Amino acid sequence: MSTINAQHILVDQEFEVKDLQKKLDDGVSFEELAKDFSKCPSGQNGGSLGEFGKGQMVAPFETAAFALEVGQVSDAVKTQFGYHLIKRIK
């Protein structure tokens, strides 16, 4: 597959990702968490990044996103921007 569609939540600290994972486990929607906690402007759109291909995102983010199954949420992914929680949409 040459492109995927994903959402993410960007935070400053790894412990924040752990807190978000607990909220997801408790049934809070990924989109709601992105709107409330993400420091990326995409948070206001539920964390949506739209479709992207290889070479468009920083390497650790891209590697993690492309490794996910549709509907799966990543563990913490560290980049130079902070810590991401990534959900693959398609």
C-alpha atoms as a PDB file:
ATOM      1  CA  MET A   1       0.000   0.000   0.000  1.00  0.00           C
ATOM      2  CA  SER A   2       1.482   3.313  -1.020  1.00  0.00           C
ATOM      3  CA  THR A   3      -0.562   5.579   1.263  1.00  0.00           C
ATOM      4  CA  ILE A   4      -2.317   5.260   4.597  1.00  0.00           C
ATOM      5  CA  ASN A   5      -4.690   7.453   6.573  1.00  0.00           C
ATOM      6  CA  ALA A   6      -3.993   8.117  10.242  1.00  0.00           C
ATOM      7  CA  GLN A   7      -4.813  10.277  13.234  1.00  0.00           C
ATOM      8  CA  HIS A   8      -2.453  11.246  16.018  1.00  0.00           C
ATOM      9  CA  ILE A   9      -2.246  12.965  19.354  1.00  0.00           C
ATOM     10  CA  LEU A  10       0.951  14.895  20.101  1.00  0.00           C
ATOM     11  CA  VAL A  11       2.045  15.563  23.688  1.00  0.00           C
ATOM     12  CA  ASP A  12       5.279  16.625  25.394  1.00  0.00           C
ATOM     13  CA  GLN A  13       5.893  13.747  27.806  1.00  0.00           C
ATOM     14  CA  GLU A  14       5.720   9.956  27.530  1.00  0.00           C
ATOM     15  CA  PHE A  15       3.629   9.676  30.712  1.00  0.00           C
ATOM     16  CA  GLU A  16       0.926  11.741  28.964  1.00  0.00           C
ATOM     17  CA  VAL A  17       0.637   9.016  26.303  1.00  0.00           C
ATOM     18  CA  LYS A  18       0.154   6.432  29.064  1.00  0.00           C
ATOM     19  CA  ASP A  19      -2.653   8.560  30.539  1.00  0.00           C
ATOM     20  CA  LEU A  20      -4.279   8.848  27.102  1.00  0.00           C
ATOM     21  CA  GLN A  21      -4.060   5.082  26.590  1.00  0.00           C
ATOM     22  CA  LYS A  22      -5.913   4.586  29.879  1.00  0.00           C
ATOM     23  CA  LYS A  23      -8.618   7.014  28.743  1.00  0.00           C
ATOM     24  CA  LEU A  24      -8.964   5.094  25.457  1.00  0.00           C
ATOM     25  CA  ASP A  25      -9.277   1.852  27.426  1.00  0.00           C
ATOM     26  CA  ASP A  26     -12.047   3.525  29.451  1.00  0.00           C
ATOM     27  CA  GLY A  27     -13.972   4.254  26.253  1.00  0.00           C
ATOM     28  CA  VAL A  28     -13.083   7.879  25.496  1.00  0.00           C
ATOM     29  CA  SER A  29     -12.879   8.397  21.725  1.00  0.00           C
ATOM     30  CA  PHE A  30      -9.538   9.032  20.049  1.00  0.00           C
ATOM     31  CA  GLU A  31     -11.014  12.119  18.357  1.00  0.00           C
ATOM     32  CA  GLU A  32     -12.170  13.603  21.660  1.00  0.00           C
ATOM     33  CA  LEU A  33      -8.754  13.012  23.244  1.00  0.00           C
ATOM     34  CA  ALA A  34      -7.022  14.636  20.276  1.00  0.00           C
ATOM     35  CA  LYS A  35      -9.226  17.728  20.561  1.00  0.00           C
ATOM     36  CA  ASP A  36      -8.626  17.992  24.314  1.00  0.00           C
ATOM     37  CA  PHE A  37      -4.942  17.092  24.637  1.00  0.00           C
ATOM     38  CA  SER A  38      -2.997  17.273  21.356  1.00  0.00           C
ATOM     39  CA  LYS A  39      -0.582  20.150  20.928  1.00  0.00           C
ATOM     40  CA  CYS A  40      -0.680  19.670  17.135  1.00  0.00           C
ATOM     41  CA  PRO A  41      -3.122  21.843  15.164  1.00  0.00           C
ATOM     42  CA  SER A  42      -4.583  18.612  13.730  1.00  0.00           C
ATOM     43  CA  GLY A  43      -6.028  17.974  17.192  1.00  0.00           C
ATOM     44  CA  GLN A  44      -8.924  20.282  16.400  1.00  0.00           C
ATOM     45  CA  ASN A  45      -9.839  17.878  13.572  1.00  0.00           C
ATOM     46  CA  GLY A  46      -9.730  14.852  15.854  1.00  0.00           C
ATOM     47  CA  GLY A  47      -6.051  14.360  15.114  1.00  0.00           C
ATOM     48  CA  SER A  48      -6.662  13.620  11.436  1.00  0.00           C
ATOM     49  CA  LEU A  49      -3.577  13.751   9.233  1.00  0.00           C
ATOM     50  CA  GLY A  50      -5.405  12.578   6.125  1.00  0.00           C
ATOM     51  CA  GLU A  51      -3.659  10.339   3.638  1.00  0.00           C
ATOM     52  CA  PHE A  52       0.103  10.292   3.408  1.00  0.00           C
ATOM     53  CA  GLY A  53       2.762   8.175   1.779  1.00  0.00           C
ATOM     54  CA  LYS A  54       6.211   7.043   2.718  1.00  0.00           C
ATOM     55  CA  GLY A  55       8.705   9.873   2.930  1.00  0.00           C
ATOM     56  CA  GLN A  56       6.147  12.477   4.052  1.00  0.00           C
ATOM     57  CA  MET A  57       6.486  12.024   7.834  1.00  0.00           C
ATOM     58  CA  VAL A  58       9.534  11.871  10.098  1.00  0.00           C
ATOM     59  CA  ALA A  59      11.039   8.369  10.170  1.00  0.00           C
ATOM     60  CA  PRO A  60       9.947   7.110  13.623  1.00  0.00           C
ATOM     61  CA  PHE A  61       6.379   8.301  13.027  1.00  0.00           C
ATOM     62  CA  GLU A  62       6.228   6.806   9.532  1.00  0.00           C
ATOM     63  CA  THR A  63       7.647   3.458  10.655  1.00  0.00           C
ATOM     64  CA  ALA A  64       5.113   3.166  13.472  1.00  0.00           C
ATOM     65  CA  ALA A  65       2.135   4.331  11.385  1.00  0.00           C
ATOM     66  CA  PHE A  66       2.802   1.959   8.494  1.00  0.00           C
ATOM     67  CA  ALA A  67       3.278  -0.967  10.910  1.00  0.00           C
ATOM     68  CA  LEU A  68      -0.208  -0.537  12.414  1.00  0.00           C
ATOM     69  CA  GLU A  69      -3.243  -2.512  11.322  1.00  0.00           C
ATOM     70  CA  VAL A  70      -6.360  -0.515  10.414  1.00  0.00           C
ATOM     71  CA  GLY A  71      -8.051   0.570  13.658  1.00  0.00           C
ATOM     72  CA  GLN A  72      -4.985  -0.163  15.774  1.00  0.00           C
ATOM     73  CA  VAL A  73      -3.458   2.464  18.088  1.00  0.00           C
ATOM     74  CA  SER A  74       0.299   2.666  18.636  1.00  0.00           C
ATOM     75  CA  ASP A  75       2.271   2.810  21.824  1.00  0.00           C
ATOM     76  CA  ALA A  76       4.221   6.036  22.457  1.00  0.00           C
ATOM     77  CA  VAL A  77       6.262   7.115  19.427  1.00  0.00           C
ATOM     78  CA  LYS A  78       9.020   9.648  20.133  1.00  0.00           C
ATOM     79  CA  THR A  79      10.017  12.192  17.484  1.00  0.00           C
ATOM     80  CA  GLN A  80      11.706  15.577  17.633  1.00  0.00           C
ATOM     81  CA  PHE A  81       8.213  17.080  18.079  1.00  0.00           C
ATOM     82  CA  GLY A  82       7.317  15.099  21.208  1.00  0.00           C
ATOM     83  CA  TYR A  83       5.419  11.874  21.852  1.00  0.00           C
ATOM     84  CA  HIS A  84       2.705  10.645  19.515  1.00  0.00           C
ATOM     85  CA  LEU A  85      -0.172   8.247  19.891  1.00  0.00           C
ATOM     86  CA  ILE A  86      -1.077   7.132  16.353  1.00  0.00           C
ATOM     87  CA  LYS A  87      -4.265   5.494  15.105  1.00  0.00           C
ATOM     88  CA  ARG A  88      -4.378   4.041  11.603  1.00  0.00           C
ATOM     89  CA  ILE A  89      -7.678   4.706   9.829  1.00  0.00           C
ATOM     90  CA  LYS A  90      -7.037   2.970   6.488  1.00  0.00           C
END
